[in-house]
Amino acid sequence: EFRRCPEKGERYKILPLHFKFGCWFIVVPLLALGT
């Protein structure tokens, strides 16, 4: 997606780390457990 839309990749780079951690350590583990 970031190759297709570089501006989206730039926005993701400036996103604060706590939002990324929320995805990596809350949403994805719950999805894995539910799967």
Full PDB file with SEQRES, HELIX, SHEET, SSBOND, CRYST1, ORIGX, SCALE, CONECT and MASTER records, all heavy atoms in Angstrom:
SEQRES   1 A   35  GLU PHE ARG ARG CYS PRO GLU LYS GLY GLU ARG TYR LYS          
SEQRES   2 A   35  ILE LEU PRO LEU HIS PHE LYS PHE GLY CYS TRP PHE ILE          
SEQRES   3 A   35  VAL VAL PRO LEU LEU ALA LEU GLY THR                          
HELIX    1 AA1 PRO A    6  ILE A   14  1                                   9    
HELIX    2 AA2 LEU A   17  GLY A   22  1                                   6    
HELIX    3 AA3 CYS A   23  VAL A   27  3                                   5    
HELIX    4 AA4 VAL A   28  GLY A   34  1                                   7    
CRYST1    1.000    1.000    1.000  90.00  90.00  90.00 P 1           1          
ORIGX1      1.000000  0.000000  0.000000        0.00000                         
ORIGX2      0.000000  1.000000  0.000000        0.00000                         
ORIGX3      0.000000  0.000000  1.000000        0.00000                         
SCALE1      1.000000  0.000000  0.000000        0.00000                         
SCALE2      0.000000  1.000000  0.000000        0.00000                         
SCALE3      0.000000  0.000000  1.000000        0.00000                         
ATOM      1  N   GLU A   1       0.828  -1.209   0.000  1.00  0.00           N  
ATOM      2  CA  GLU A   1       0.000   0.000   0.000  1.00  0.00           C  
ATOM      3  C   GLU A   1       0.862   1.259   0.000  1.00  0.00           C  
ATOM      4  O   GLU A   1       0.540   2.234  -0.676  1.00  0.00           O  
ATOM      5  CB  GLU A   1      -0.917  -0.007   1.233  1.00  0.00           C  
ATOM      6  CG  GLU A   1      -1.865   1.151   1.297  1.00  0.00           C  
ATOM      7  CD  GLU A   1      -2.933   1.137   0.215  1.00  0.00           C  
ATOM      8  OE1 GLU A   1      -3.202   0.083  -0.376  1.00  0.00           O  
ATOM      9  OE2 GLU A   1      -3.494   2.215  -0.047  1.00  0.00           O  
ATOM     10  N   PHE A   2       1.969   1.251   0.720  1.00  0.00           N  
ATOM     11  CA  PHE A   2       2.832   2.429   0.779  1.00  0.00           C  
ATOM     12  C   PHE A   2       3.577   2.638  -0.534  1.00  0.00           C  
ATOM     13  O   PHE A   2       3.911   3.766  -0.885  1.00  0.00           O  
ATOM     14  CB  PHE A   2       3.815   2.329   1.940  1.00  0.00           C  
ATOM     15  CG  PHE A   2       3.154   2.296   3.300  1.00  0.00           C  
ATOM     16  CD1 PHE A   2       3.818   1.793   4.397  1.00  0.00           C  
ATOM     17  CD2 PHE A   2       1.859   2.753   3.483  1.00  0.00           C  
ATOM     18  CE1 PHE A   2       3.225   1.760   5.636  1.00  0.00           C  
ATOM     19  CE2 PHE A   2       1.246   2.720   4.721  1.00  0.00           C  
ATOM     20  CZ  PHE A   2       1.935   2.224   5.804  1.00  0.00           C  
ATOM     21  N   ARG A   3       3.853   1.566  -1.255  1.00  0.00           N  
ATOM     22  CA  ARG A   3       4.450   1.712  -2.593  1.00  0.00           C  
ATOM     23  C   ARG A   3       3.431   2.300  -3.559  1.00  0.00           C  
ATOM     24  O   ARG A   3       3.772   3.107  -4.417  1.00  0.00           O  
ATOM     25  CB  ARG A   3       4.930   0.357  -3.122  1.00  0.00           C  
ATOM     26  CG  ARG A   3       6.421   0.225  -3.045  1.00  0.00           C  
ATOM     27  CD  ARG A   3       6.950  -0.978  -3.782  1.00  0.00           C  
ATOM     28  NE  ARG A   3       6.965  -2.112  -2.861  1.00  0.00           N  
ATOM     29  CZ  ARG A   3       6.388  -3.279  -3.094  1.00  0.00           C  
ATOM     30  NH1 ARG A   3       5.755  -3.495  -4.216  1.00  0.00           N  
ATOM     31  NH2 ARG A   3       6.436  -4.236  -2.200  1.00  0.00           N  
ATOM     32  N   ARG A   4       2.189   1.889  -3.407  1.00  0.00           N  
ATOM     33  CA  ARG A   4       1.131   2.380  -4.284  1.00  0.00           C  
ATOM     34  C   ARG A   4       0.799   3.838  -3.978  1.00  0.00           C  
ATOM     35  O   ARG A   4       0.508   4.620  -4.880  1.00  0.00           O  
ATOM     36  CB  ARG A   4      -0.124   1.518  -4.112  1.00  0.00           C  
ATOM     37  CG  ARG A   4      -1.219   1.808  -5.110  1.00  0.00           C  
ATOM     38  CD  ARG A   4      -2.431   0.938  -4.879  1.00  0.00           C  
ATOM     39  NE  ARG A   4      -3.129   1.255  -3.656  1.00  0.00           N  
ATOM     40  CZ  ARG A   4      -3.991   2.272  -3.514  1.00  0.00           C  
ATOM     41  NH1 ARG A   4      -4.233   3.068  -4.516  1.00  0.00           N  
ATOM     42  NH2 ARG A   4      -4.602   2.476  -2.363  1.00  0.00           N  
ATOM     43  N   CYS A   5       0.855   4.204  -2.705  1.00  0.00           N  
ATOM     44  CA  CYS A   5       0.478   5.557  -2.277  1.00  0.00           C  
ATOM     45  C   CYS A   5       1.533   6.062  -1.285  1.00  0.00           C  
ATOM     46  O   CYS A   5       1.371   5.890  -0.075  1.00  0.00           O  
ATOM     47  CB  CYS A   5      -0.905   5.504  -1.637  1.00  0.00           C  
ATOM     48  SG  CYS A   5      -1.550   7.113  -1.202  1.00  0.00           S  
ATOM     49  N   PRO A   6       2.620   6.669  -1.791  1.00  0.00           N  
ATOM     50  CA  PRO A   6       3.713   7.099  -0.912  1.00  0.00           C  
ATOM     51  C   PRO A   6       3.302   8.093   0.173  1.00  0.00           C  
ATOM     52  O   PRO A   6       3.869   8.075   1.263  1.00  0.00           O  
ATOM     53  CB  PRO A   6       4.712   7.741  -1.874  1.00  0.00           C  
ATOM     54  CG  PRO A   6       4.382   7.206  -3.217  1.00  0.00           C  
ATOM     55  CD  PRO A   6       2.916   6.918  -3.194  1.00  0.00           C  
ATOM     56  N   GLU A   7       2.308   8.925  -0.098  1.00  0.00           N  
ATOM     57  CA  GLU A   7       1.887   9.893   0.924  1.00  0.00           C  
ATOM     58  C   GLU A   7       1.293   9.195   2.145  1.00  0.00           C  
ATOM     59  O   GLU A   7       1.418   9.663   3.279  1.00  0.00           O  
ATOM     60  CB  GLU A   7       0.895  10.898   0.353  1.00  0.00           C  
ATOM     61  CG  GLU A   7      -0.389  10.269  -0.116  1.00  0.00           C  
ATOM     62  CD  GLU A   7      -1.197  11.176  -1.025  1.00  0.00           C  
ATOM     63  OE1 GLU A   7      -0.608  12.062  -1.642  1.00  0.00           O  
ATOM     64  OE2 GLU A   7      -2.419  10.965  -1.104  1.00  0.00           O  
ATOM     65  N   LYS A   8       0.661   8.048   1.918  1.00  0.00           N  
ATOM     66  CA  LYS A   8       0.125   7.271   3.031  1.00  0.00           C  
ATOM     67  C   LYS A   8       1.273   6.720   3.888  1.00  0.00           C  
ATOM     68  O   LYS A   8       1.187   6.702   5.112  1.00  0.00           O  
ATOM     69  CB  LYS A   8      -0.733   6.124   2.495  1.00  0.00           C  
ATOM     70  CG  LYS A   8      -1.593   5.467   3.505  1.00  0.00           C  
ATOM     71  CD  LYS A   8      -2.501   4.458   2.823  1.00  0.00           C  
ATOM     72  CE  LYS A   8      -3.651   4.064   3.679  1.00  0.00           C  
ATOM     73  NZ  LYS A   8      -4.561   3.151   3.017  1.00  0.00           N  
ATOM     74  N   GLY A   9       2.338   6.301   3.228  1.00  0.00           N  
ATOM     75  CA  GLY A   9       3.517   5.828   3.943  1.00  0.00           C  
ATOM     76  C   GLY A   9       4.161   6.929   4.770  1.00  0.00           C  
ATOM     77  O   GLY A   9       4.621   6.693   5.893  1.00  0.00           O  
ATOM     78  N   GLU A  10       4.189   8.134   4.222  1.00  0.00           N  
ATOM     79  CA  GLU A  10       4.755   9.266   4.971  1.00  0.00           C  
ATOM     80  C   GLU A  10       3.896   9.590   6.190  1.00  0.00           C  
ATOM     81  O   GLU A  10       4.426   9.899   7.263  1.00  0.00           O  
ATOM     82  CB  GLU A  10       4.870  10.493   4.064  1.00  0.00           C  
ATOM     83  CG  GLU A  10       5.919  10.359   2.983  1.00  0.00           C  
ATOM     84  CD  GLU A  10       7.309  10.131   3.561  1.00  0.00           C  
ATOM     85  OE1 GLU A  10       7.680  10.827   4.533  1.00  0.00           O  
ATOM     86  OE2 GLU A  10       8.015   9.255   3.043  1.00  0.00           O  
ATOM     87  N   ARG A  11       2.577   9.533   6.030  1.00  0.00           N  
ATOM     88  CA  ARG A  11       1.690   9.777   7.180  1.00  0.00           C  
ATOM     89  C   ARG A  11       1.893   8.708   8.249  1.00  0.00           C  
ATOM     90  O   ARG A  11       1.857   8.995   9.437  1.00  0.00           O  
ATOM     91  CB  ARG A  11       0.228   9.787   6.744  1.00  0.00           C  
ATOM     92  CG  ARG A  11      -0.206  11.071   6.113  1.00  0.00           C  
ATOM     93  CD  ARG A  11      -1.717  11.207   6.058  1.00  0.00           C  
ATOM     94  NE  ARG A  11      -2.420   9.998   5.705  1.00  0.00           N  
ATOM     95  CZ  ARG A  11      -2.985   9.756   4.528  1.00  0.00           C  
ATOM     96  NH1 ARG A  11      -2.901  10.630   3.555  1.00  0.00           N  
ATOM     97  NH2 ARG A  11      -3.628   8.631   4.312  1.00  0.00           N  
ATOM     98  N   TYR A  12       2.096   7.460   7.820  1.00  0.00           N  
ATOM     99  CA  TYR A  12       2.297   6.371   8.778  1.00  0.00           C  
ATOM    100  C   TYR A  12       3.608   6.558   9.549  1.00  0.00           C  
ATOM    101  O   TYR A  12       3.676   6.246  10.735  1.00  0.00           O  
ATOM    102  CB  TYR A  12       2.281   5.023   8.058  1.00  0.00           C  
ATOM    103  CG  TYR A  12       2.352   3.844   8.996  1.00  0.00           C  
ATOM    104  CD1 TYR A  12       1.236   3.443   9.710  1.00  0.00           C  
ATOM    105  CD2 TYR A  12       3.527   3.129   9.167  1.00  0.00           C  
ATOM    106  CE1 TYR A  12       1.290   2.363  10.574  1.00  0.00           C  
ATOM    107  CE2 TYR A  12       3.592   2.054  10.026  1.00  0.00           C  
ATOM    108  CZ  TYR A  12       2.461   1.669  10.728  1.00  0.00           C  
ATOM    109  OH  TYR A  12       2.521   0.613  11.593  1.00  0.00           O  
ATOM    110  N   LYS A  13       4.626   7.070   8.885  1.00  0.00           N  
ATOM    111  CA  LYS A  13       5.919   7.271   9.554  1.00  0.00           C  
ATOM    112  C   LYS A  13       5.824   8.287  10.679  1.00  0.00           C  
ATOM    113  O   LYS A  13       6.501   8.147  11.695  1.00  0.00           O  
ATOM    114  CB  LYS A  13       6.981   7.721   8.547  1.00  0.00           C  
ATOM    115  CG  LYS A  13       7.477   6.638   7.653  1.00  0.00           C  
ATOM    116  CD  LYS A  13       8.518   7.171   6.686  1.00  0.00           C  
ATOM    117  CE  LYS A  13       8.900   6.108   5.680  1.00  0.00           C  
ATOM    118  NZ  LYS A  13       9.805   6.631   4.661  1.00  0.00           N  
ATOM    119  N   ILE A  14       4.981   9.319  10.520  1.00  0.00           N  
ATOM    120  CA  ILE A  14       4.886  10.354  11.550  1.00  0.00           C  
ATOM    121  C   ILE A  14       3.854  10.006  12.627  1.00  0.00           C  
ATOM    122  O   ILE A  14       3.758  10.706  13.621  1.00  0.00           O  
ATOM    123  CB  ILE A  14       4.541  11.722  10.936  1.00  0.00           C  
ATOM    124  CG1 ILE A  14       3.228  11.641  10.196  1.00  0.00           C  
ATOM    125  CG2 ILE A  14       5.655  12.210  10.054  1.00  0.00           C  
ATOM    126  CD1 ILE A  14       2.623  12.971   9.904  1.00  0.00           C  
ATOM    127  N   LEU A  15       3.122   8.926  12.440  1.00  0.00           N  
ATOM    128  CA  LEU A  15       2.127   8.509  13.419  1.00  0.00           C  
ATOM    129  C   LEU A  15       2.822   8.156  14.738  1.00  0.00           C  
ATOM    130  O   LEU A  15       3.824   7.438  14.728  1.00  0.00           O  
ATOM    131  CB  LEU A  15       1.356   7.304  12.889  1.00  0.00           C  
ATOM    132  CG  LEU A  15       0.137   6.838  13.651  1.00  0.00           C  
ATOM    133  CD1 LEU A  15      -0.950   7.907  13.618  1.00  0.00           C  
ATOM    134  CD2 LEU A  15      -0.401   5.557  13.044  1.00  0.00           C  
ATOM    135  N   PRO A  16       2.321   8.655  15.878  1.00  0.00           N  
ATOM    136  CA  PRO A  16       2.952   8.327  17.158  1.00  0.00           C  
ATOM    137  C   PRO A  16       2.986   6.823  17.425  1.00  0.00           C  
ATOM    138  O   PRO A  16       2.105   6.075  16.993  1.00  0.00           O  
ATOM    139  CB  PRO A  16       2.072   9.034  18.182  1.00  0.00           C  
ATOM    140  CG  PRO A  16       1.412  10.127  17.440  1.00  0.00           C  
ATOM    141  CD  PRO A  16       1.235   9.607  16.040  1.00  0.00           C  
ATOM    142  N   LEU A  17       3.994   6.419  18.143  1.00  0.00           N  
ATOM    143  CA  LEU A  17       4.252   5.001  18.377  1.00  0.00           C  
ATOM    144  C   LEU A  17       3.123   4.317  19.161  1.00  0.00           C  
ATOM    145  O   LEU A  17       2.867   3.135  18.944  1.00  0.00           O  
ATOM    146  CB  LEU A  17       5.577   4.846  19.110  1.00  0.00           C  
ATOM    147  CG  LEU A  17       6.267   3.511  19.012  1.00  0.00           C  
ATOM    148  CD1 LEU A  17       6.463   3.089  17.565  1.00  0.00           C  
ATOM    149  CD2 LEU A  17       7.598   3.567  19.729  1.00  0.00           C  
ATOM    150  N   HIS A  18       2.445   5.033  20.037  1.00  0.00           N  
ATOM    151  CA  HIS A  18       1.408   4.370  20.828  1.00  0.00           C  
ATOM    152  C   HIS A  18       0.243   3.894  19.961  1.00  0.00           C  
ATOM    153  O   HIS A  18      -0.417   2.907  20.302  1.00  0.00           O  
ATOM    154  CB  HIS A  18       0.933   5.246  21.997  1.00  0.00           C  
ATOM    155  CG  HIS A  18       0.272   6.512  21.612  1.00  0.00           C  
ATOM    156  ND1 HIS A  18       0.963   7.670  21.328  1.00  0.00           N  
ATOM    157  CD2 HIS A  18      -1.037   6.822  21.462  1.00  0.00           C  
ATOM    158  CE1 HIS A  18       0.118   8.628  21.035  1.00  0.00           C  
ATOM    159  NE2 HIS A  18      -1.096   8.147  21.097  1.00  0.00           N  
ATOM    160  N   PHE A  19      -0.014   4.533  18.843  1.00  0.00           N  
ATOM    161  CA  PHE A  19      -1.047   4.042  17.934  1.00  0.00           C  
ATOM    162  C   PHE A  19      -0.585   2.753  17.247  1.00  0.00           C  
ATOM    163  O   PHE A  19      -1.361   1.816  17.068  1.00  0.00           O  
ATOM    164  CB  PHE A  19      -1.392   5.084  16.879  1.00  0.00           C  
ATOM    165  CG  PHE A  19      -2.139   6.270  17.414  1.00  0.00           C  
ATOM    166  CD1 PHE A  19      -1.607   7.534  17.325  1.00  0.00           C  
ATOM    167  CD2 PHE A  19      -3.378   6.121  18.011  1.00  0.00           C  
ATOM    168  CE1 PHE A  19      -2.283   8.638  17.804  1.00  0.00           C  
ATOM    169  CE2 PHE A  19      -4.073   7.212  18.498  1.00  0.00           C  
ATOM    170  CZ  PHE A  19      -3.522   8.476  18.405  1.00  0.00           C  
ATOM    171  N   LYS A  20       0.672   2.714  16.847  1.00  0.00           N  
ATOM    172  CA  LYS A  20       1.215   1.509  16.218  1.00  0.00           C  
ATOM    173  C   LYS A  20       1.238   0.349  17.211  1.00  0.00           C  
ATOM    174  O   LYS A  20       0.893  -0.780  16.866  1.00  0.00           O  
ATOM    175  CB  LYS A  20       2.616   1.781  15.684  1.00  0.00           C  
ATOM    176  CG  LYS A  20       2.637   2.816  14.580  1.00  0.00           C  
ATOM    177  CD  LYS A  20       4.049   3.150  14.181  1.00  0.00           C  
ATOM    178  CE  LYS A  20       4.095   4.302  13.201  1.00  0.00           C  
ATOM    179  NZ  LYS A  20       5.440   4.690  12.842  1.00  0.00           N  
ATOM    180  N   PHE A  21       1.651   0.635  18.462  1.00  0.00           N  
ATOM    181  CA  PHE A  21       1.652  -0.402  19.496  1.00  0.00           C  
ATOM    182  C   PHE A  21       0.238  -0.918  19.754  1.00  0.00           C  
ATOM    183  O   PHE A  21       0.059  -2.102  20.020  1.00  0.00           O  
ATOM    184  CB  PHE A  21       2.257   0.132  20.784  1.00  0.00           C  
ATOM    185  CG  PHE A  21       3.754   0.158  20.806  1.00  0.00           C  
ATOM    186  CD1 PHE A  21       4.418   0.748  21.861  1.00  0.00           C  
ATOM    187  CD2 PHE A  21       4.514  -0.390  19.797  1.00  0.00           C  
ATOM    188  CE1 PHE A  21       5.804   0.788  21.900  1.00  0.00           C  
ATOM    189  CE2 PHE A  21       5.889  -0.352  19.810  1.00  0.00           C  
ATOM    190  CZ  PHE A  21       6.534   0.233  20.873  1.00  0.00           C  
ATOM    191  N   GLY A  22      -0.743  -0.025  19.698  1.00  0.00           N  
ATOM    192  CA  GLY A  22      -2.128  -0.459  19.870  1.00  0.00           C  
ATOM    193  C   GLY A  22      -2.537  -1.481  18.825  1.00  0.00           C  
ATOM    194  O   GLY A  22      -3.252  -2.436  19.130  1.00  0.00           O  
ATOM    195  N   CYS A  23      -2.075  -1.288  17.615  1.00  0.00           N  
ATOM    196  CA  CYS A  23      -2.368  -2.254  16.549  1.00  0.00           C  
ATOM    197  C   CYS A  23      -1.597  -3.546  16.765  1.00  0.00           C  
ATOM    198  O   CYS A  23      -2.164  -4.628  16.732  1.00  0.00           O  
ATOM    199  CB  CYS A  23      -2.034  -1.650  15.195  1.00  0.00           C  
ATOM    200  SG  CYS A  23      -2.355  -2.762  13.824  1.00  0.00           S  
ATOM    201  N   TRP A  24      -0.284  -3.414  16.991  1.00  0.00           N  
ATOM    202  CA  TRP A  24       0.577  -4.602  17.085  1.00  0.00           C  
ATOM    203  C   TRP A  24       0.306  -5.452  18.318  1.00  0.00           C  
ATOM    204  O   TRP A  24       0.404  -6.674  18.256  1.00  0.00           O  
ATOM    205  CB  TRP A  24       2.041  -4.198  17.097  1.00  0.00           C  
ATOM    206  CG  TRP A  24       2.524  -3.433  15.920  1.00  0.00           C  
ATOM    207  CD1 TRP A  24       2.012  -3.449  14.650  1.00  0.00           C  
ATOM    208  CD2 TRP A  24       3.615  -2.514  15.887  1.00  0.00           C  
ATOM    209  NE1 TRP A  24       2.711  -2.594  13.841  1.00  0.00           N  
ATOM    210  CE2 TRP A  24       3.710  -2.007  14.579  1.00  0.00           C  
ATOM    211  CE3 TRP A  24       4.520  -2.062  16.845  1.00  0.00           C  
ATOM    212  CZ2 TRP A  24       4.667  -1.089  14.199  1.00  0.00           C  
ATOM    213  CZ3 TRP A  24       5.469  -1.143  16.468  1.00  0.00           C  
ATOM    214  CH2 TRP A  24       5.545  -0.674  15.156  1.00  0.00           C  
ATOM    215  N   PHE A  25      -0.029  -4.809  19.442  1.00  0.00           N  
ATOM    216  CA  PHE A  25      -0.105  -5.538  20.702  1.00  0.00           C  
ATOM    217  C   PHE A  25      -1.501  -5.637  21.306  1.00  0.00           C  
ATOM    218  O   PHE A  25      -1.660  -6.235  22.366  1.00  0.00           O  
ATOM    219  CB  PHE A  25       0.853  -4.917  21.726  1.00  0.00           C  
ATOM    220  CG  PHE A  25       2.284  -4.962  21.278  1.00  0.00           C  
ATOM    221  CD1 PHE A  25       3.005  -3.791  21.116  1.00  0.00           C  
ATOM    222  CD2 PHE A  25       2.900  -6.164  20.989  1.00  0.00           C  
ATOM    223  CE1 PHE A  25       4.322  -3.819  20.698  1.00  0.00           C  
ATOM    224  CE2 PHE A  25       4.215  -6.202  20.564  1.00  0.00           C  
ATOM    225  CZ  PHE A  25       4.934  -5.034  20.428  1.00  0.00           C  
ATOM    226  N   ILE A  26      -2.505  -5.053  20.655  1.00  0.00           N  
ATOM    227  CA  ILE A  26      -3.885  -5.208  21.127  1.00  0.00           C  
ATOM    228  C   ILE A  26      -4.760  -5.800  20.029  1.00  0.00           C  
ATOM    229  O   ILE A  26      -5.359  -6.857  20.207  1.00  0.00           O  
ATOM    230  CB  ILE A  26      -4.466  -3.870  21.626  1.00  0.00           C  
ATOM    231  CG1 ILE A  26      -3.694  -3.398  22.855  1.00  0.00           C  
ATOM    232  CG2 ILE A  26      -5.949  -4.015  21.951  1.00  0.00           C  
ATOM    233  CD1 ILE A  26      -4.070  -2.024  23.334  1.00  0.00           C  
ATOM    234  N   VAL A  27      -4.814  -5.138  18.878  1.00  0.00           N  
ATOM    235  CA  VAL A  27      -5.723  -5.571  17.815  1.00  0.00           C  
ATOM    236  C   VAL A  27      -5.278  -6.901  17.197  1.00  0.00           C  
ATOM    237  O   VAL A  27      -6.062  -7.845  17.096  1.00  0.00           O  
ATOM    238  CB  VAL A  27      -5.854  -4.482  16.726  1.00  0.00           C  
ATOM    239  CG1 VAL A  27      -6.695  -4.973  15.566  1.00  0.00           C  
ATOM    240  CG2 VAL A  27      -6.450  -3.222  17.310  1.00  0.00           C  
ATOM    241  N   VAL A  28      -4.018  -7.002  16.798  1.00  0.00           N  
ATOM    242  CA  VAL A  28      -3.545  -8.225  16.129  1.00  0.00           C  
ATOM    243  C   VAL A  28      -3.580  -9.440  17.060  1.00  0.00           C  
ATOM    244  O   VAL A  28      -4.025 -10.513  16.641  1.00  0.00           O  
ATOM    245  CB  VAL A  28      -2.153  -8.007  15.492  1.00  0.00           C  
ATOM    246  CG1 VAL A  28      -1.622  -9.298  14.907  1.00  0.00           C  
ATOM    247  CG2 VAL A  28      -2.228  -6.938  14.417  1.00  0.00           C  
ATOM    248  N   PRO A  29      -3.156  -9.338  18.339  1.00  0.00           N  
ATOM    249  CA  PRO A  29      -3.286 -10.520  19.204  1.00  0.00           C  
ATOM    250  C   PRO A  29      -4.741 -10.950  19.421  1.00  0.00           C  
ATOM    251  O   PRO A  29      -5.029 -12.149  19.446  1.00  0.00           O  
ATOM    252  CB  PRO A  29      -2.657 -10.072  20.526  1.00  0.00           C  
ATOM    253  CG  PRO A  29      -1.737  -8.993  20.172  1.00  0.00           C  
ATOM    254  CD  PRO A  29      -2.362  -8.297  19.006  1.00  0.00           C  
ATOM    255  N   LEU A  30      -5.659  -9.974  19.568  1.00  0.00           N  
ATOM    256  CA  LEU A  30      -7.067 -10.345  19.697  1.00  0.00           C  
ATOM    257  C   LEU A  30      -7.584 -11.019  18.432  1.00  0.00           C  
ATOM    258  O   LEU A  30      -8.364 -11.972  18.494  1.00  0.00           O  
ATOM    259  CB  LEU A  30      -7.915  -9.111  20.012  1.00  0.00           C  
ATOM    260  CG  LEU A  30      -7.877  -8.601  21.440  1.00  0.00           C  
ATOM    261  CD1 LEU A  30      -8.612  -7.275  21.544  1.00  0.00           C  
ATOM    262  CD2 LEU A  30      -8.487  -9.606  22.391  1.00  0.00           C  
ATOM    263  N   LEU A  31      -7.138 -10.529  17.279  1.00  0.00           N  
ATOM    264  CA  LEU A  31      -7.537 -11.151  16.020  1.00  0.00           C  
ATOM    265  C   LEU A  31      -6.981 -12.568  15.913  1.00  0.00           C  
ATOM    266  O   LEU A  31      -7.682 -13.492  15.484  1.00  0.00           O  
ATOM    267  CB  LEU A  31      -7.055 -10.305  14.843  1.00  0.00           C  
ATOM    268  CG  LEU A  31      -7.451 -10.768  13.455  1.00  0.00           C  
ATOM    269  CD1 LEU A  31      -8.969 -10.786  13.300  1.00  0.00           C  
ATOM    270  CD2 LEU A  31      -6.832  -9.874  12.401  1.00  0.00           C  
ATOM    271  N   ALA A  32      -5.730 -12.756  16.327  1.00  0.00           N  
ATOM    272  CA  ALA A  32      -5.136 -14.096  16.300  1.00  0.00           C  
ATOM    273  C   ALA A  32      -5.887 -15.027  17.240  1.00  0.00           C  
ATOM    274  O   ALA A  32      -6.192 -16.177  16.882  1.00  0.00           O  
ATOM    275  CB  ALA A  32      -3.658 -14.029  16.688  1.00  0.00           C  
ATOM    276  N   LEU A  33      -6.201 -14.548  18.425  1.00  0.00           N  
ATOM    277  CA  LEU A  33      -6.935 -15.367  19.392  1.00  0.00           C  
ATOM    278  C   LEU A  33      -8.326 -15.698  18.881  1.00  0.00           C  
ATOM    279  O   LEU A  33      -8.792 -16.833  19.020  1.00  0.00           O  
ATOM    280  CB  LEU A  33      -7.013 -14.643  20.731  1.00  0.00           C  
ATOM    281  CG  LEU A  33      -7.588 -15.416  21.894  1.00  0.00           C  
ATOM    282  CD1 LEU A  33      -6.741 -16.651  22.175  1.00  0.00           C  
ATOM    283  CD2 LEU A  33      -7.659 -14.528  23.119  1.00  0.00           C  
ATOM    284  N   GLY A  34      -8.986 -14.744  18.268  1.00  0.00           N  
ATOM    285  CA  GLY A  34     -10.319 -14.998  17.726  1.00  0.00           C  
ATOM    286  C   GLY A  34     -10.307 -15.903  16.518  1.00  0.00           C  
ATOM    287  O   GLY A  34     -11.274 -16.601  16.245  1.00  0.00           O  
ATOM    288  N   THR A  35      -9.185 -15.910  15.785  1.00  0.00           N  
ATOM    289  CA  THR A  35      -9.087 -16.740  14.591  1.00  0.00           C  
ATOM    290  C   THR A  35      -8.849 -18.210  14.928  1.00  0.00           C  
ATOM    291  O   THR A  35      -9.538 -19.088  14.427  1.00  0.00           O  
ATOM    292  CB  THR A  35      -7.954 -16.232  13.680  1.00  0.00           C  
ATOM    293  OG1 THR A  35      -8.201 -14.857  13.386  1.00  0.00           O  
ATOM    294  CG2 THR A  35      -7.894 -17.019  12.388  1.00  0.00           C  
TER     295      THR A  35                                                      
MASTER        0    0    0    4    0    0    0    6  294    1    0    3          
END                                                                             
